[in-house]
Amino acid sequence: MGRQNEPNATQPEPGGVSPRIGTHCEQPRPACYDAAMRAWLVTSTAYGTWLLGDPRGFVGRIRDGSGRPEKNNAFGEPYDADLPPLARASRAALKSDPIKLTKAQAKVLLNQFRETAQLRCWALLAVAVMGNHFHAVVAAADDVPGVRILGDLKGYGSRALNGQWPKPVGRGWWTRSGSARPLRDLAAVEQAIEYVLRQEFPLVTWRGPSIEMD
């Protein structure tokens, strides 16, 4: 498969994501990305569908030649891939069957991502939801960490899904953690949007406001 089909892979998550709810946005929702914001490409896989060691590529903490753990999580860098012993261990750790998202569920997630971005004063620039993972390009205030963005999208997304479908038995909808890749400049933001919108076999894709700056 091509690089555009290679999301992060993480260990199974212990239960659903339920981030602490902070204050609501008290400012007008940003109309577009601007230089005062920091943009992120965030990704999560559905539970059990894309594990550490997967030959398609994954993002996770792997020890380098010196034995130190490292995570190849920068946009444009190659993924780790194809570690059969790690893949076998990841499969053995599963607590329930893998989750396969449907088109109806993807639409619910997209609507919730848009609502969450508005709630948080973020600019949601692009979304793609596939049967086994999602990508989103999000711009937020410079002091908002990417892991916060990822956690809120997953947490609110889980709540929206739980409101219409039975909560999955065991470990929830998503794998633990995920990937939050910082986008260093406007060119990287544009490349990330293109990457997201060109995913193969999407259930839902969406493009947000213009990223052109004055």
Protein backbone atom coordinates (compact mmCIF):
# COMPACT_ATOMS: atom_id res chain seq x y z
CA MET A 1 0.00 0.00 0.00
CA GLY A 2 1.07 3.60 -0.52
CA ARG A 3 2.08 5.95 2.24
CA GLN A 4 -1.32 7.62 2.24
CA ASN A 5 -2.78 4.42 3.72
CA GLU A 6 -0.36 4.20 6.64
CA PRO A 7 -1.78 5.72 9.83
CA ASN A 8 -0.40 5.44 13.33
CA ALA A 9 -0.70 2.17 15.17
CA THR A 10 -0.85 1.92 18.91
CA GLN A 11 -1.51 -0.55 21.67
CA PRO A 12 -5.17 -1.25 22.54
CA GLU A 13 -6.74 1.41 24.68
CA PRO A 14 -7.98 0.46 28.17
CA GLY A 15 -11.57 1.62 27.90
CA GLY A 16 -13.07 4.54 26.03
CA VAL A 17 -11.43 7.94 25.89
CA SER A 18 -13.05 10.42 28.23
CA PRO A 19 -11.03 13.63 28.34
CA ARG A 20 -11.70 16.24 30.97
CA ILE A 21 -14.04 18.87 29.59
CA GLY A 22 -12.58 22.35 29.74
CA THR A 23 -14.11 25.75 29.18
CA HIS A 24 -15.99 26.42 25.99
CA CYS A 25 -14.74 28.74 23.30
CA GLU A 26 -15.40 32.33 24.30
CA GLN A 27 -14.08 33.84 21.08
CA PRO A 28 -15.44 33.73 17.52
CA ARG A 29 -14.53 30.47 15.79
CA PRO A 30 -11.49 31.05 13.55
CA ALA A 31 -12.48 31.32 9.90
CA CYS A 32 -9.18 29.95 8.65
CA TYR A 33 -5.65 29.03 9.54
CA ASP A 34 -3.35 31.96 10.30
CA ALA A 35 0.24 32.46 11.33
CA ALA A 36 -0.64 32.80 15.03
CA MET A 37 -1.96 29.23 15.10
CA ARG A 38 -0.20 25.89 15.15
CA ALA A 39 -1.51 23.16 12.87
CA TRP A 40 -1.48 19.42 13.45
CA LEU A 41 -2.16 16.24 11.53
CA VAL A 42 -3.86 13.96 14.04
CA THR A 43 -4.64 10.30 13.48
CA SER A 44 -6.21 7.45 15.40
CA THR A 45 -6.98 3.89 14.43
CA ALA A 46 -10.15 2.01 15.31
CA TYR A 47 -9.55 -0.54 18.05
CA GLY A 48 -7.60 -3.61 16.93
CA THR A 49 -7.35 -2.71 13.25
CA TRP A 50 -3.82 -1.33 12.90
CA LEU A 51 -1.39 -2.58 15.50
CA LEU A 52 2.23 -2.01 16.41
CA GLY A 53 4.42 -4.04 14.05
CA ASP A 54 1.96 -3.84 11.14
CA PRO A 55 3.66 -4.25 7.73
CA ARG A 56 1.64 -1.31 6.34
CA GLY A 57 3.53 1.06 8.66
CA PHE A 58 2.85 2.39 12.14
CA VAL A 59 3.80 5.10 14.60
CA GLY A 60 4.88 3.89 18.01
CA ARG A 61 7.78 3.95 20.44
CA ILE A 62 10.46 1.61 19.07
CA ARG A 63 13.98 1.28 20.45
CA ASP A 64 16.74 2.55 18.17
CA GLY A 65 20.16 0.96 17.69
CA SER A 66 21.35 2.26 21.06
CA GLY A 67 18.33 0.87 22.87
CA ARG A 68 16.66 4.22 23.43
CA PRO A 69 12.93 4.48 22.63
CA GLU A 70 12.06 6.79 19.76
CA LYS A 71 8.86 7.67 17.93
CA ASN A 72 8.94 8.60 14.24
CA ASN A 73 6.12 11.09 14.45
CA ALA A 74 7.17 14.02 12.25
CA PHE A 75 5.12 14.74 9.15
CA GLY A 76 7.02 13.55 6.08
CA GLU A 77 9.29 11.14 7.95
CA PRO A 78 9.09 7.41 7.15
CA TYR A 79 7.04 5.18 9.41
CA ASP A 80 8.32 2.15 11.26
CA ALA A 81 6.99 -0.98 9.57
CA ASP A 82 6.82 -4.78 9.48
CA LEU A 83 7.99 -6.09 12.85
CA PRO A 84 6.32 -9.54 13.03
CA PRO A 85 7.14 -10.33 16.70
CA LEU A 86 5.69 -6.99 17.77
CA ALA A 87 2.62 -7.53 15.59
CA ARG A 88 2.02 -10.96 17.15
CA ALA A 89 2.32 -9.52 20.66
CA SER A 90 -0.11 -6.72 19.77
CA ARG A 91 -2.68 -9.18 18.43
CA ALA A 92 -2.33 -11.33 21.53
CA ALA A 93 -3.05 -8.30 23.71
CA LEU A 94 -6.44 -7.58 22.11
CA LYS A 95 -9.33 -7.70 24.58
CA SER A 96 -12.13 -7.75 22.00
CA ASP A 97 -12.75 -8.00 18.27
CA PRO A 98 -11.43 -5.21 16.03
CA ILE A 99 -13.75 -2.28 15.33
CA LYS A 100 -14.81 -1.62 11.72
CA LEU A 101 -16.48 1.76 11.28
CA THR A 102 -19.49 2.11 8.98
CA LYS A 103 -20.42 4.98 6.70
CA ALA A 104 -23.18 6.06 9.09
CA GLN A 105 -20.70 6.11 11.97
CA ALA A 106 -18.20 8.07 9.87
CA LYS A 107 -20.81 10.75 9.22
CA VAL A 108 -21.56 10.99 12.94
CA LEU A 109 -17.84 11.36 13.66
CA LEU A 110 -17.42 14.10 11.06
CA ASN A 111 -20.31 16.09 12.50
CA GLN A 112 -18.90 15.67 16.00
CA PHE A 113 -15.39 16.71 14.92
CA ARG A 114 -16.82 19.89 13.43
CA GLU A 115 -18.79 20.59 16.60
CA THR A 116 -15.75 19.91 18.80
CA ALA A 117 -13.59 22.25 16.74
CA GLN A 118 -16.19 25.00 17.08
CA LEU A 119 -16.45 24.38 20.83
CA ARG A 120 -12.68 24.65 21.24
CA CYS A 121 -12.05 27.61 18.88
CA TRP A 122 -10.06 25.44 16.50
CA ALA A 123 -9.97 25.59 12.70
CA LEU A 124 -10.80 22.16 11.30
CA LEU A 125 -9.14 22.13 7.87
CA ALA A 126 -9.63 18.57 6.59
CA VAL A 127 -11.04 15.23 7.73
CA ALA A 128 -11.05 11.72 6.32
CA VAL A 129 -12.71 8.81 8.10
CA MET A 130 -11.97 5.31 6.86
CA GLY A 131 -13.26 1.99 8.13
CA ASN A 132 -10.22 1.50 10.33
CA HIS A 133 -8.85 4.99 11.11
CA PHE A 134 -9.33 8.73 10.79
CA HIS A 135 -7.10 11.69 9.91
CA ALA A 136 -7.80 15.33 10.70
CA VAL A 137 -5.85 18.52 10.04
CA VAL A 138 -6.56 20.98 12.84
CA ALA A 139 -5.16 24.43 13.64
CA ALA A 140 -5.38 25.80 17.16
CA ALA A 141 -3.78 28.37 19.40
CA ASP A 142 -0.03 27.95 19.69
CA ASP A 143 -0.26 26.71 23.30
CA VAL A 144 -2.70 23.87 22.53
CA PRO A 145 -0.79 20.56 22.34
CA GLY A 146 -1.57 18.10 19.59
CA VAL A 147 -2.32 15.35 22.10
CA ARG A 148 -5.11 17.53 23.51
CA ILE A 149 -6.63 17.92 20.06
CA LEU A 150 -6.41 14.19 19.39
CA GLY A 151 -7.85 13.31 22.80
CA ASP A 152 -10.80 15.65 22.41
CA LEU A 153 -11.66 14.39 18.92
CA LYS A 154 -11.51 10.79 20.10
CA GLY A 155 -13.36 11.47 23.35
CA TYR A 156 -16.22 13.49 21.91
CA GLY A 157 -16.32 11.14 18.92
CA SER A 158 -16.73 8.16 21.24
CA ARG A 159 -19.58 9.87 23.07
CA ALA A 160 -21.34 10.61 19.80
CA LEU A 161 -21.00 6.99 18.66
CA ASN A 162 -22.13 5.66 22.05
CA GLY A 163 -25.25 7.79 21.73
CA GLN A 164 -26.36 5.91 18.61
CA TRP A 165 -24.72 2.48 18.80
CA PRO A 166 -23.94 0.05 21.64
CA LYS A 167 -20.63 0.84 23.32
CA PRO A 168 -18.03 -1.72 22.21
CA VAL A 169 -17.30 -4.39 24.76
CA GLY A 170 -13.83 -4.25 26.26
CA ARG A 171 -11.64 -1.42 25.07
CA GLY A 172 -13.84 1.16 23.36
CA TRP A 173 -13.76 2.51 19.81
CA TRP A 174 -10.09 3.52 19.48
CA THR A 175 -6.59 2.26 20.04
CA ARG A 176 -4.64 3.88 22.85
CA SER A 177 -2.99 7.22 22.14
CA GLY A 178 -2.46 7.97 18.44
CA SER A 179 -0.39 10.28 16.29
CA ALA A 180 -0.24 14.08 16.51
CA ARG A 181 2.21 15.41 13.94
CA PRO A 182 3.05 19.14 14.06
CA LEU A 183 2.92 20.96 10.73
CA ARG A 184 5.75 23.47 10.70
CA ASP A 185 4.62 25.90 8.03
CA LEU A 186 1.93 26.70 5.48
CA ALA A 187 3.45 24.36 2.90
CA ALA A 188 3.28 21.47 5.37
CA VAL A 189 -0.35 22.32 6.16
CA GLU A 190 -1.23 22.26 2.47
CA GLN A 191 0.56 18.93 2.00
CA ALA A 192 -1.24 17.43 4.99
CA ILE A 193 -4.64 18.53 3.67
CA GLU A 194 -3.83 16.95 0.31
CA TYR A 195 -2.70 13.78 2.06
CA VAL A 196 -5.94 13.55 4.04
CA LEU A 197 -8.24 14.22 1.11
CA ARG A 198 -6.50 11.62 -1.08
CA GLN A 199 -6.92 8.67 1.26
CA GLU A 200 -8.00 5.44 -0.38
CA PHE A 201 -11.41 3.97 0.45
CA PRO A 202 -12.72 6.85 2.61
CA LEU A 203 -16.17 6.61 4.13
CA VAL A 204 -16.30 10.39 4.53
CA THR A 205 -13.99 13.24 3.51
CA TRP A 206 -14.40 16.91 4.25
CA ARG A 207 -12.44 20.09 3.56
CA GLY A 208 -12.73 23.09 5.82
CA PRO A 209 -12.10 26.79 5.28
CA SER A 210 -9.38 28.29 3.14
CA ILE A 211 -5.86 28.39 4.58
CA GLU A 212 -4.86 31.43 2.56
CA MET A 213 -3.45 34.17 4.76
CA ASP A 214 -3.44 37.91 4.27
